[in-house]
Amino acid sequence: MDRDQVRNVITELFSSNGELSRYREEYSAPVVDEFCNQNASYLADRLIDLLKKHFELRVRAPEAAAGQALDASDLKIQGPISEAIVISDKQQSSDALNELVSAGEMAPVDSQISISDSKVSSIQMLPEVEPKAVSLPPPAQKTGDAMPRKFSFRLKGGKLQVGVPFDGRIEALDGAPNSVAHIISVKIPPELGLVADESDAANLIGTPKVSGDATIGFDYMIDPEGVVRAPLTSSVSVFINHDPKSLWKNLDSDQSDPHWKPDSDADVLQLSDRTIVAVSKRGRSHAHEGKFREDDFRIVRSETSGWIIVAVADGAGSAAKSRLGSKIAVNTAVDVLLEKLNGPDGQILEEFVASWQRGEASEESVVSVGLYAVLGIAVFEACKALEAEASICGVPAKELSTTLLITAYKPTDFGHVFATYWVGDGGVGVYLKNGDVRLLGKVDSGSLPVKPVSLDYKVMTTEEIASRLRFTVVEDFKALIAMTDGITDPYFTTDHNLECGAYWDKLWGEIAPPLGTEKPEVALLAWLDFWSAGNHDDRTIAVLW
């Protein structure tokens, strides 16, 4: 195996099928690919050199090498760092190698240690030299002629990143006791986008414009116990991280695929006094690899009964045909529900809800019977349709796995009626005018090691369907909002937060402006491009307001 093969092994570890593949989901594929491109060759060289060094140590001096583990710090990684670092004057030697030096079998070793929050070391072998007598100078006096110990410097202030405002400070390290380093002027390459504060040259502010390694030079003066020295020159090395948005590719999905659907979609329905908008967009993680949009939605109003139906679905990322599954689920469920609501079952449901609202039926189970006859049957038929399609395609039904959140809404004389079936993650709720929320279901979080819950026969028992049916009646409301986890994950972060009005306030504060435009479907679709680190799934949201 040569160096190129070692490099390929390192790259393969971070691939979608490798031992470290989880980092592609945790930090995004572009960040991992950039890391491998920058570091795989260097790490391969360092690994080979490290193995050679430790092998020779064990062969030449097995007793001194006994118990000495490989030092991972020898694999110094070149890449983004959170703070600028300079090399100090401190030196440190490996105990094991010093034993060899004492035994006369190896040359002295000089280790330079970088001082930072995460220390890395590099070892340089020096030629053998004859020991010489050294005359030490007398201790420096506290006068203007004293030679203070040299300073090192670092840039504090957090990570430097293109497009992100920075406010940091050059700090001095390791100077002599009671001495102070005063930075008097700073030389910053103009293309970096940083400048020194006019009132304090050590303070750097600005918004970085370019990524990569850079050096910031400066002049400073040392003041030991009040004695001013002549100007000295130093510098700090910094690394400016890429704008993560610029790393994402946007590759077209395969339009020749028989189950292809557009990478984004939008629809709007104008009612007499309200509007419904639904938008869906392929996530960055799928666009980066040219994959399909797995989410789907449908909104419809019945001219016959006045019921309005809103459905969103999220095809499972691990299922090969989930984009087809989400489409079949919303279309079949909406078609069947619309048929049921337009017939006798819809009228019976309204009568049950009205009776419960007037207090004539004390138990919600009375309404549940009516809900099961419409919503329960609709989702059962959607599940059957998924099974039938899987049989036609010759694949297991799990290959079409999808969530489904479907809501029926109708304004009536006794209030606004909402009825929902919810399976999987995502969220649907009625956002009230006072900022409270009526959550219309419970999240199936699918946290590992539990498998994600989807629309299949496992949740099609009578008891399971009934447990997922919800209804509420409110006097007035601000909006009905249904969304997939591409929205709920970045905006609510936990399942519990879906019940907190403050999180809905924040979401509403961001979607209200695009909803108020002349073309809300276009503006809301553009809003779906919002940036949230680590959240790059497909995004779908439907709003009735």
Protein backbone atom coordinates (compact mmCIF):
# COMPACT_ATOMS: atom_id res chain seq x y z
CA MET A 1 0.00 0.00 0.00
CA ASP A 2 1.47 3.38 -1.03
CA ARG A 3 0.70 6.93 0.09
CA ASP A 4 -2.08 7.39 -2.49
CA GLN A 5 -3.83 4.29 -1.21
CA VAL A 6 -3.57 5.53 2.39
CA ARG A 7 -5.05 8.83 1.27
CA ASN A 8 -7.94 6.99 -0.41
CA VAL A 9 -8.57 5.05 2.79
CA ILE A 10 -8.82 8.28 4.79
CA THR A 11 -11.23 9.74 2.22
CA GLU A 12 -13.28 6.53 2.20
CA LEU A 13 -13.67 6.70 5.99
CA PHE A 14 -15.63 9.94 5.53
CA SER A 15 -17.68 8.73 2.55
CA SER A 16 -21.41 7.99 2.79
CA ASN A 17 -20.60 4.33 3.46
CA GLY A 18 -17.52 4.85 5.65
CA GLU A 19 -16.85 4.47 9.34
CA LEU A 20 -17.09 8.25 9.82
CA SER A 21 -20.08 8.81 7.51
CA ARG A 22 -22.16 10.26 10.36
CA TYR A 23 -20.19 13.49 10.05
CA ARG A 24 -21.72 14.06 6.61
CA GLU A 25 -25.11 14.39 8.29
CA GLU A 26 -23.85 16.16 11.40
CA TYR A 27 -21.70 18.82 9.71
CA SER A 28 -22.93 18.58 6.07
CA ALA A 29 -21.30 16.87 3.09
CA PRO A 30 -19.50 19.99 1.76
CA VAL A 31 -17.68 20.56 5.06
CA VAL A 32 -16.50 16.92 5.10
CA ASP A 33 -15.46 17.00 1.44
CA GLU A 34 -13.51 20.22 2.00
CA PHE A 35 -11.75 18.67 5.00
CA CYS A 36 -10.72 15.59 3.00
CA ASN A 37 -9.56 17.67 0.01
CA GLN A 38 -7.39 19.83 2.26
CA ASN A 39 -6.04 17.19 4.61
CA ALA A 40 -6.15 13.62 3.25
CA SER A 41 -2.76 13.75 1.52
CA TYR A 42 -1.11 15.52 4.43
CA LEU A 43 -2.60 13.09 6.97
CA ALA A 44 -1.46 10.11 4.89
CA ASP A 45 2.11 11.44 4.86
CA ARG A 46 2.04 12.18 8.57
CA LEU A 47 0.61 8.75 9.39
CA ILE A 48 3.37 6.98 7.45
CA ASP A 49 6.06 9.17 9.02
CA LEU A 50 4.58 8.61 12.48
CA LEU A 51 4.57 4.84 12.03
CA LYS A 52 8.20 4.92 10.82
CA LYS A 53 9.30 7.00 13.78
CA HIS A 54 7.69 4.78 16.38
CA PHE A 55 8.81 1.59 14.67
CA GLU A 56 12.44 2.77 14.64
CA LEU A 57 12.13 3.82 18.27
CA ARG A 58 10.98 0.35 19.30
CA VAL A 59 13.62 -1.41 17.24
CA ARG A 60 16.54 0.71 18.40
CA ALA A 61 15.50 1.10 22.04
CA PRO A 62 12.70 -1.29 22.98
CA GLU A 63 13.03 -0.61 26.69
CA ALA A 64 12.74 3.14 26.32
CA ALA A 65 9.84 2.72 23.88
CA ALA A 66 7.94 0.30 26.13
CA GLY A 67 4.59 1.76 27.08
CA GLN A 68 4.93 4.69 24.69
CA ALA A 69 1.67 5.01 22.73
CA LEU A 70 1.46 6.67 19.34
CA ASP A 71 0.94 10.37 19.90
CA ALA A 72 -2.06 11.52 17.83
CA SER A 73 -0.84 15.08 18.17
CA ASP A 74 1.87 14.20 15.62
CA LEU A 75 -0.92 14.19 13.03
CA LYS A 76 -1.09 17.95 12.91
CA ILE A 77 -4.13 18.96 10.83
CA GLN A 78 -4.00 21.89 8.46
CA GLY A 79 -7.37 23.58 8.19
CA PRO A 80 -9.94 25.92 9.76
CA ILE A 81 -9.20 26.93 13.34
CA SER A 82 -11.18 29.08 15.72
CA GLU A 83 -8.34 31.39 16.76
CA ALA A 84 -5.10 32.62 15.23
CA ILE A 85 -2.03 30.97 16.84
CA VAL A 86 1.66 31.77 16.87
CA ILE A 87 4.56 29.54 17.98
CA SER A 88 6.00 30.36 21.40
CA ASP A 89 9.57 30.09 22.68
CA LYS A 90 8.72 27.16 24.96
CA GLN A 91 10.32 23.76 24.28
CA GLN A 92 9.48 20.33 25.49
CA SER A 93 11.04 16.89 24.74
CA SER A 94 9.58 13.40 24.79
CA ASP A 95 10.73 11.42 27.84
CA ALA A 96 11.25 8.29 25.78
CA LEU A 97 13.36 10.07 23.19
CA ASN A 98 15.40 11.83 25.87
CA GLU A 99 16.37 8.42 27.25
CA LEU A 100 17.80 7.60 23.83
CA VAL A 101 19.69 10.87 23.79
CA SER A 102 21.17 10.13 27.19
CA ALA A 103 22.19 6.67 25.97
CA GLY A 104 23.94 8.28 22.99
CA GLU A 105 21.79 6.42 20.44
CA MET A 106 19.85 9.37 18.99
CA ALA A 107 20.37 13.06 18.39
CA PRO A 108 18.72 15.60 20.65
CA VAL A 109 15.07 16.38 19.87
CA ASP A 110 13.53 19.81 19.80
CA SER A 111 9.74 20.01 20.17
CA GLN A 112 7.94 23.23 19.40
CA ILE A 113 4.55 23.48 21.08
CA SER A 114 1.81 25.66 19.65
CA ILE A 115 -0.11 27.44 22.42
CA SER A 116 -3.87 27.37 21.83
CA ASP A 117 -7.05 25.88 23.21
CA SER A 118 -6.23 22.60 21.47
CA LYS A 119 -2.44 22.02 21.51
CA VAL A 120 -0.63 20.39 18.59
CA SER A 121 3.06 19.54 18.39
CA SER A 122 5.60 18.90 15.66
CA ILE A 123 8.96 17.18 16.16
CA GLN A 124 12.12 18.13 14.30
CA MET A 125 15.22 15.92 14.38
CA LEU A 126 18.48 17.86 14.79
CA PRO A 127 22.04 16.68 13.99
CA GLU A 128 24.32 15.51 16.78
CA VAL A 129 26.54 18.22 18.27
CA GLU A 130 29.34 18.20 20.80
CA PRO A 131 28.25 19.62 24.14
CA LYS A 132 29.80 23.04 24.77
CA ALA A 133 30.21 25.10 27.88
CA VAL A 134 27.74 27.97 27.92
CA SER A 135 28.29 31.24 29.76
CA LEU A 136 24.99 32.70 30.97
CA PRO A 137 24.58 36.47 31.02
CA PRO A 138 23.89 38.14 34.34
CA PRO A 139 20.23 38.78 35.22
CA ALA A 140 18.73 41.75 33.43
CA GLN A 141 18.41 44.86 35.53
CA LYS A 142 15.19 46.87 35.78
CA THR A 143 16.56 49.70 33.68
CA GLY A 144 16.03 51.02 30.21
CA ASP A 145 18.81 48.72 28.99
CA ALA A 146 17.14 45.53 30.23
CA MET A 147 16.19 42.96 27.54
CA PRO A 148 12.61 41.78 28.28
CA ARG A 149 11.51 38.29 27.35
CA LYS A 150 10.02 38.08 23.87
CA PHE A 151 6.22 38.18 23.50
CA SER A 152 4.07 35.92 21.34
CA PHE A 153 0.61 36.90 20.16
CA ARG A 154 -2.77 35.49 19.22
CA LEU A 155 -6.00 36.85 17.80
CA LYS A 156 -8.97 36.34 20.12
CA GLY A 157 -12.58 36.83 19.16
CA GLY A 158 -13.90 33.55 17.83
CA LYS A 159 -14.03 31.99 14.38
CA LEU A 160 -13.28 34.09 11.32
CA GLN A 161 -15.75 33.36 8.53
CA VAL A 162 -16.54 35.01 5.23
CA GLY A 163 -19.65 37.16 5.49
CA VAL A 164 -19.84 37.06 9.30
CA PRO A 165 -19.04 40.28 11.24
CA PHE A 166 -15.94 39.94 13.41
CA ASP A 167 -14.80 41.89 16.46
CA GLY A 168 -11.60 40.55 18.00
CA ARG A 169 -8.38 41.59 19.65
CA ILE A 170 -4.69 40.79 19.28
CA GLU A 171 -3.50 39.60 22.69
CA ALA A 172 0.07 39.25 23.94
CA LEU A 173 1.39 36.09 25.62
CA ASP A 174 4.50 34.98 27.48
CA GLY A 175 6.15 38.36 28.11
CA ALA A 176 8.34 39.07 31.11
CA PRO A 177 6.60 39.73 34.44
CA ASN A 178 5.30 43.28 34.87
CA SER A 179 5.88 44.10 31.21
CA VAL A 180 3.20 45.18 28.73
CA ALA A 181 3.12 44.97 24.94
CA HIS A 182 1.46 47.96 23.27
CA ILE A 183 0.37 47.44 19.65
CA ILE A 184 0.89 50.72 17.85
CA SER A 185 0.07 49.90 14.20
CA VAL A 186 -1.39 46.96 12.27
CA LYS A 187 -0.83 45.92 8.66
CA ILE A 188 -3.86 44.05 7.29
CA PRO A 189 -4.13 42.94 3.65
CA PRO A 190 -6.98 45.10 2.26
CA GLU A 191 -8.73 42.16 0.61
CA LEU A 192 -9.42 40.55 4.01
CA GLY A 193 -12.17 43.00 4.91
CA LEU A 194 -10.77 43.70 8.40
CA VAL A 195 -9.48 47.00 9.79
CA ALA A 196 -7.90 48.11 13.05
CA ASP A 197 -10.00 50.22 15.39
CA GLU A 198 -8.85 53.84 15.14
CA SER A 199 -8.94 54.26 18.92
CA ASP A 200 -7.25 50.92 19.70
CA ALA A 201 -4.99 49.35 17.06
CA ALA A 202 -5.08 45.93 18.79
CA ASN A 203 -8.84 45.69 18.21
CA LEU A 204 -9.75 44.30 14.75
CA ILE A 205 -13.22 44.71 13.30
CA GLY A 206 -14.97 44.08 9.97
CA THR A 207 -16.55 41.38 7.85
CA PRO A 208 -14.11 38.95 6.17
CA LYS A 209 -14.40 38.87 2.38
CA VAL A 210 -12.04 36.05 1.37
CA SER A 211 -11.31 32.62 2.84
CA GLY A 212 -8.03 30.85 3.50
CA ASP A 213 -4.77 31.51 5.34
CA ALA A 214 -3.64 35.07 5.95
CA THR A 215 -0.99 36.91 7.96
CA ILE A 216 -1.62 40.10 9.92
CA GLY A 217 1.53 42.05 10.76
CA PHE A 218 1.89 44.75 13.40
CA ASP A 219 4.38 46.92 15.29
CA TYR A 220 4.42 46.97 19.06
CA MET A 221 6.39 48.41 21.96
CA ILE A 222 7.30 46.76 25.25
CA ASP A 223 6.97 48.69 28.48
CA PRO A 224 8.69 46.82 31.36
CA GLU A 225 7.80 48.57 34.58
CA GLY A 226 7.25 51.87 32.86
CA VAL A 227 10.32 51.89 30.57
CA VAL A 228 9.41 52.44 26.91
CA ARG A 229 11.32 50.34 24.36
CA ALA A 230 11.99 50.79 20.66
CA PRO A 231 9.27 49.44 18.29
CA LEU A 232 9.31 45.70 17.48
CA THR A 233 7.59 43.77 14.70
CA SER A 234 5.51 40.59 14.88
CA SER A 235 2.53 38.93 13.21
CA VAL A 236 -0.30 36.46 13.72
CA SER A 237 -1.44 33.81 11.24
CA VAL A 238 -5.18 33.43 10.82
CA PHE A 239 -7.49 31.17 8.88
CA ILE A 240 -10.72 32.60 7.47
CA ASN A 241 -13.37 29.94 6.98
CA HIS A 242 -15.48 29.70 3.85
CA ASP A 243 -19.03 30.95 3.80
CA PRO A 244 -20.70 27.53 4.26
CA LYS A 245 -23.47 28.50 1.88
CA SER A 246 -20.97 28.80 -0.95
CA LEU A 247 -19.83 25.19 -0.50
CA TRP A 248 -23.21 23.69 -1.40
CA LYS A 249 -23.78 22.50 -4.93
CA ASN A 250 -27.19 22.67 -6.60
CA LEU A 251 -27.27 19.72 -8.99
CA ASP A 252 -30.39 19.00 -11.04
CA SER A 253 -32.32 15.86 -10.21
CA ASP A 254 -32.78 13.21 -12.91
CA GLN A 255 -35.82 14.24 -14.95
CA SER A 256 -35.70 10.94 -16.85
CA ASP A 257 -36.64 9.07 -13.68
CA PRO A 258 -40.24 7.76 -13.96
CA HIS A 259 -41.02 9.14 -10.47
CA TRP A 260 -39.34 12.51 -10.91
CA LYS A 261 -41.04 15.61 -9.55
CA PRO A 262 -39.97 19.27 -9.56
CA ASP A 263 -37.30 20.31 -7.08
CA SER A 264 -39.73 22.94 -5.75
CA ASP A 265 -43.48 23.46 -5.86
CA ALA A 266 -46.02 26.04 -4.72
CA ASP A 267 -49.78 26.55 -4.67
CA VAL A 268 -52.15 29.24 -3.40
CA LEU A 269 -55.92 29.28 -2.86
CA GLN A 270 -57.81 32.53 -2.29
CA LEU A 271 -60.89 32.08 -0.10
CA SER A 272 -63.57 34.65 0.65
CA ASP A 273 -61.84 35.99 3.76
CA ARG A 274 -58.64 33.96 4.06
CA THR A 275 -55.79 32.60 1.94
CA ILE A 276 -54.01 29.24 1.82
CA VAL A 277 -50.42 28.99 0.62
CA ALA A 278 -48.30 25.84 0.43
CA VAL A 279 -44.68 25.69 -0.72
CA SER A 280 -42.08 22.91 -0.86
CA LYS A 281 -38.39 22.96 -1.76
CA ARG A 282 -35.65 20.36 -2.07
CA GLY A 283 -33.16 20.60 0.80
CA ARG A 284 -29.51 21.55 0.36
CA SER A 285 -28.35 18.05 1.31
CA HIS A 286 -30.35 16.58 -1.58
CA ALA A 287 -29.47 19.36 -4.03
CA HIS A 288 -25.76 18.90 -3.25
CA GLU A 289 -25.91 15.32 -4.50
CA GLY A 290 -28.52 15.79 -7.24
CA LYS A 291 -31.15 13.80 -5.35
CA PHE A 292 -34.92 14.22 -5.47
CA ARG A 293 -37.29 16.28 -3.34
CA GLU A 294 -38.93 13.78 -0.99
CA ASP A 295 -41.55 16.10 0.56
CA ASP A 296 -44.99 16.68 -0.90
CA PHE A 297 -48.18 18.62 -0.15
CA ARG A 298 -51.70 19.32 -1.33
CA ILE A 299 -54.29 21.99 -0.52
CA VAL A 300 -57.89 21.92 -1.72
CA ARG A 301 -61.31 23.46 -1.00
CA SER A 302 -64.60 21.67 -1.54
CA GLU A 303 -67.16 23.84 -3.32
CA THR A 304 -69.84 21.34 -2.26
CA SER A 305 -69.32 21.17 1.52
CA GLY A 306 -67.06 24.14 2.24
CA TRP A 307 -64.41 21.96 3.91
CA ILE A 308 -60.77 22.90 3.29
CA ILE A 309 -58.06 20.22 3.35
CA VAL A 310 -54.34 20.79 3.97
CA ALA A 311 -51.87 17.88 3.76
CA VAL A 312 -48.06 17.70 3.98
CA ALA A 313 -45.82 14.62 3.86
CA ASP A 314 -42.12 13.88 4.21
CA GLY A 315 -40.73 10.82 2.43
CA ALA A 316 -38.15 8.95 4.51
CA GLY A 317 -34.59 9.72 3.46
CA SER A 318 -33.58 6.07 3.81
CA ALA A 319 -36.36 4.86 1.49
CA ALA A 320 -35.45 4.66 -2.21
CA LYS A 321 -38.92 5.62 -3.51
CA SER A 322 -40.08 7.87 -0.68
CA ARG A 323 -40.68 10.76 -3.09
CA LEU A 324 -43.35 8.58 -4.69
CA GLY A 325 -44.68 7.49 -1.31
CA SER A 326 -45.24 11.07 -0.08
CA LYS A 327 -47.03 11.97 -3.32
CA ILE A 328 -49.31 8.94 -3.18
CA ALA A 329 -50.08 9.52 0.49
CA VAL A 330 -51.23 13.13 0.16
CA ASN A 331 -53.16 12.60 -3.07
CA THR A 332 -54.99 9.44 -1.97
CA ALA A 333 -55.78 10.70 1.53
CA VAL A 334 -57.05 14.07 0.25
CA ASP A 335 -59.19 12.46 -2.49
CA VAL A 336 -60.86 10.02 -0.09
CA LEU A 337 -61.30 12.63 2.66
CA LEU A 338 -62.85 15.07 0.21
CA GLU A 339 -65.32 12.40 -0.93
CA LYS A 340 -66.24 11.54 2.66
CA LEU A 341 -66.71 15.17 3.75
CA ASN A 342 -68.93 15.87 0.76
CA GLY A 343 -71.23 12.96 1.68
CA PRO A 344 -73.34 11.87 4.66
CA ASP A 345 -70.29 11.12 6.80
CA GLY A 346 -69.22 14.75 6.58
CA GLN A 347 -72.66 15.97 7.71
CA ILE A 348 -72.65 13.52 10.61
CA LEU A 349 -69.22 14.72 11.70
CA GLU A 350 -70.44 18.34 11.76
CA GLU A 351 -73.47 17.33 13.83
CA PHE A 352 -71.26 15.47 16.33
CA VAL A 353 -68.93 18.44 16.69
CA ALA A 354 -71.85 20.90 17.06
CA SER A 355 -73.45 18.68 19.72
CA TRP A 356 -70.17 18.50 21.62
CA GLN A 357 -69.66 22.26 21.33
CA ARG A 358 -73.16 22.92 22.77
CA GLY A 359 -72.40 20.59 25.68
CA GLU A 360 -74.98 18.02 24.66
CA ALA A 361 -72.31 15.35 24.17
CA SER A 362 -69.97 15.38 27.14
CA GLU A 363 -67.49 12.87 25.76
CA GLU A 364 -65.03 13.65 22.96
CA SER A 365 -65.30 9.99 21.96
CA VAL A 366 -68.62 10.86 20.32
CA VAL A 367 -66.77 13.14 17.91
CA SER A 368 -64.04 10.54 17.48
CA VAL A 369 -66.57 8.19 15.92
CA GLY A 370 -67.32 10.79 13.27
CA LEU A 371 -63.63 11.54 12.76
CA TYR A 372 -62.81 7.88 12.23
CA ALA A 373 -65.47 7.60 9.53
CA VAL A 374 -63.83 10.33 7.45
CA LEU A 375 -60.19 10.88 8.41
CA GLY A 376 -59.54 7.35 9.61
CA ILE A 377 -60.85 5.82 6.40
CA ALA A 378 -58.90 8.35 4.29
CA VAL A 379 -55.50 7.47 5.83
CA PHE A 380 -56.31 3.75 5.73
CA GLU A 381 -56.94 4.02 1.99
CA ALA A 382 -53.70 5.95 1.58
CA CYS A 383 -51.82 3.14 3.32
CA LYS A 384 -53.46 0.58 1.02
CA ALA A 385 -52.42 2.65 -2.00
CA LEU A 386 -48.79 2.61 -0.82
CA GLU A 387 -48.88 -1.17 -0.44
CA ALA A 388 -50.41 -1.55 -3.92
CA GLU A 389 -47.77 0.69 -5.52
CA ALA A 390 -44.97 -1.20 -3.77
CA SER A 391 -46.34 -4.44 -5.23
CA ILE A 392 -46.44 -2.92 -8.72
CA CYS A 393 -42.84 -1.68 -8.38
CA GLY A 394 -41.72 -5.02 -6.95
CA VAL A 395 -40.20 -3.48 -3.82
CA PRO A 396 -41.01 -3.73 -0.09
CA ALA A 397 -43.58 -1.21 1.12
CA LYS A 398 -40.95 0.39 3.37
CA GLU A 399 -39.25 1.74 0.22
CA LEU A 400 -42.21 4.18 -0.03
CA SER A 401 -42.12 5.20 3.65
CA THR A 402 -43.55 8.64 4.39
CA THR A 403 -45.04 10.76 7.12
CA LEU A 404 -48.51 12.29 6.74
CA LEU A 405 -50.14 15.27 8.43
CA ILE A 406 -53.62 15.96 7.04
CA THR A 407 -56.06 18.53 8.40
CA ALA A 408 -59.69 19.32 7.52
CA TYR A 409 -60.93 22.82 8.37
CA LYS A 410 -64.33 24.46 8.17
CA PRO A 411 -65.74 27.73 9.48
CA THR A 412 -69.18 27.13 11.05
CA ASP A 413 -71.82 29.04 13.03
CA PHE A 414 -70.42 27.62 16.27
CA GLY A 415 -66.72 28.26 15.55
CA HIS A 416 -63.77 27.24 13.42
CA VAL A 417 -63.47 23.44 13.29
CA PHE A 418 -60.14 21.67 12.78
CA ALA A 419 -59.70 17.89 12.53
CA THR A 420 -56.30 16.23 12.00
CA TYR A 421 -54.57 12.89 11.51
CA TRP A 422 -50.81 12.97 12.22
CA VAL A 423 -48.21 10.23 11.82
CA GLY A 424 -44.44 10.86 11.90
CA ASP A 425 -42.46 13.99 12.65
CA GLY A 426 -43.10 17.56 11.55
CA GLY A 427 -45.92 19.56 13.11
CA VAL A 428 -49.39 21.07 12.65
CA GLY A 429 -51.07 23.56 14.94
CA VAL A 430 -53.63 26.33 15.19
CA TYR A 431 -51.84 29.58 16.04
CA LEU A 432 -54.25 31.77 18.02
CA LYS A 433 -54.42 35.55 18.02
CA ASN A 434 -53.22 35.75 21.63
CA GLY A 435 -50.03 33.84 20.74
CA ASP A 436 -51.15 30.49 22.17
CA VAL A 437 -51.13 27.35 20.05
CA ARG A 438 -53.40 24.32 19.77
CA LEU A 439 -51.14 21.49 18.69
CA LEU A 440 -53.17 19.01 16.63
CA GLY A 441 -51.23 15.84 17.34
CA LYS A 442 -48.10 14.35 18.83
CA VAL A 443 -44.66 14.06 17.22
CA ASP A 444 -43.35 10.61 16.39
CA SER A 445 -39.75 11.69 16.81
CA GLY A 446 -38.21 8.43 15.57
CA SER A 447 -35.16 8.94 17.79
CA LEU A 448 -32.59 6.15 17.47
CA PRO A 449 -32.58 3.29 18.22
CA VAL A 450 -36.35 3.50 17.61
CA LYS A 451 -37.16 3.38 13.91
CA PRO A 452 -38.96 6.42 12.47
CA VAL A 453 -42.75 6.07 12.43
CA SER A 454 -44.39 6.28 9.02
CA LEU A 455 -47.71 5.58 7.33
CA ASP A 456 -47.86 1.78 7.16
CA TYR A 457 -49.93 -1.14 8.44
CA LYS A 458 -48.23 -1.00 11.85
CA VAL A 459 -50.25 2.14 12.61
CA MET A 460 -53.43 1.00 10.88
CA THR A 461 -55.13 -0.78 13.78
CA THR A 462 -58.42 0.74 14.93
CA GLU A 463 -56.92 1.80 18.25
CA GLU A 464 -53.79 3.28 16.65
CA ILE A 465 -55.75 5.31 14.09
CA ALA A 466 -58.12 6.62 16.77
CA SER A 467 -55.19 7.68 18.97
CA ARG A 468 -53.84 9.87 16.18
CA LEU A 469 -57.08 11.75 15.46
CA ARG A 470 -57.45 15.24 16.97
CA PHE A 471 -60.01 18.01 16.71
CA THR A 472 -60.51 21.46 18.16
CA VAL A 473 -63.02 24.30 17.86
CA VAL A 474 -61.88 27.89 18.32
CA GLU A 475 -63.73 31.18 18.18
CA ASP A 476 -61.03 32.81 16.06
CA PHE A 477 -57.44 32.18 15.04
CA LYS A 478 -54.47 33.78 13.32
CA ALA A 479 -53.26 30.86 11.22
CA LEU A 480 -53.27 27.12 10.66
CA ILE A 481 -49.67 26.00 10.00
CA ALA A 482 -48.61 22.52 8.85
CA MET A 483 -44.95 21.72 8.16
CA THR A 484 -42.43 18.94 7.73
CA ASP A 485 -39.37 18.51 9.95
CA GLY A 486 -37.31 20.61 7.55
CA ILE A 487 -39.10 23.53 9.25
CA THR A 488 -39.76 22.20 12.76
CA ASP A 489 -36.18 21.03 13.41
CA PRO A 490 -34.51 24.44 12.97
CA TYR A 491 -37.35 26.51 14.46
CA PHE A 492 -38.48 24.37 17.40
CA THR A 493 -35.36 22.16 18.01
CA THR A 494 -37.25 19.81 20.40
CA ASP A 495 -40.66 18.13 20.38
CA HIS A 496 -41.58 19.89 23.62
CA ASN A 497 -41.04 23.33 22.08
CA LEU A 498 -43.84 22.67 19.58
CA GLU A 499 -46.22 23.29 22.46
CA CYS A 500 -44.63 26.65 23.38
CA GLY A 501 -46.26 29.75 21.93
CA ALA A 502 -42.97 31.70 21.96
CA TYR A 503 -41.52 29.46 19.25
CA TRP A 504 -44.63 29.90 17.10
CA ASP A 505 -44.32 33.67 17.63
CA LYS A 506 -40.79 33.56 16.22
CA LEU A 507 -41.86 31.48 13.23
CA TRP A 508 -44.84 33.71 12.53
CA GLY A 509 -42.65 36.79 12.79
CA GLU A 510 -40.55 35.45 9.90
CA ILE A 511 -43.28 34.15 7.60
CA ALA A 512 -45.76 36.99 8.06
CA PRO A 513 -43.80 39.46 5.85
CA PRO A 514 -43.64 37.14 2.81
CA LEU A 515 -47.28 36.19 3.34
CA GLY A 516 -48.19 39.87 3.16
CA THR A 517 -46.71 40.35 -0.32
CA GLU A 518 -48.61 40.48 -3.60
CA LYS A 519 -47.46 36.95 -4.49
CA PRO A 520 -47.15 35.15 -1.14
CA GLU A 521 -46.38 31.78 -2.73
CA VAL A 522 -43.30 33.22 -4.47
CA ALA A 523 -42.09 35.09 -1.39
CA LEU A 524 -42.64 32.12 0.94
CA LEU A 525 -40.82 29.80 -1.45
CA ALA A 526 -37.85 32.17 -1.35
CA TRP A 527 -38.04 32.22 2.47
CA LEU A 528 -37.46 28.45 2.49
CA ASP A 529 -33.82 29.17 1.64
CA PHE A 530 -33.18 30.39 5.20
CA TRP A 531 -29.86 29.27 6.66
CA SER A 532 -29.71 26.99 9.71
CA ALA A 533 -26.46 25.13 10.42
CA GLY A 534 -26.96 21.37 10.33
CA ASN A 535 -30.54 21.62 9.05
CA HIS A 536 -30.55 21.01 5.30
CA ASP A 537 -33.51 18.65 4.77
CA ASP A 538 -36.41 19.22 2.36
CA ARG A 539 -38.71 21.99 3.58
CA THR A 540 -42.49 22.14 3.19
CA ILE A 541 -44.97 24.47 4.86
CA ALA A 542 -48.68 25.16 4.34
CA VAL A 543 -50.32 28.21 5.93
CA LEU A 544 -54.02 29.13 6.15
CA TRP A 545 -54.44 32.66 7.49
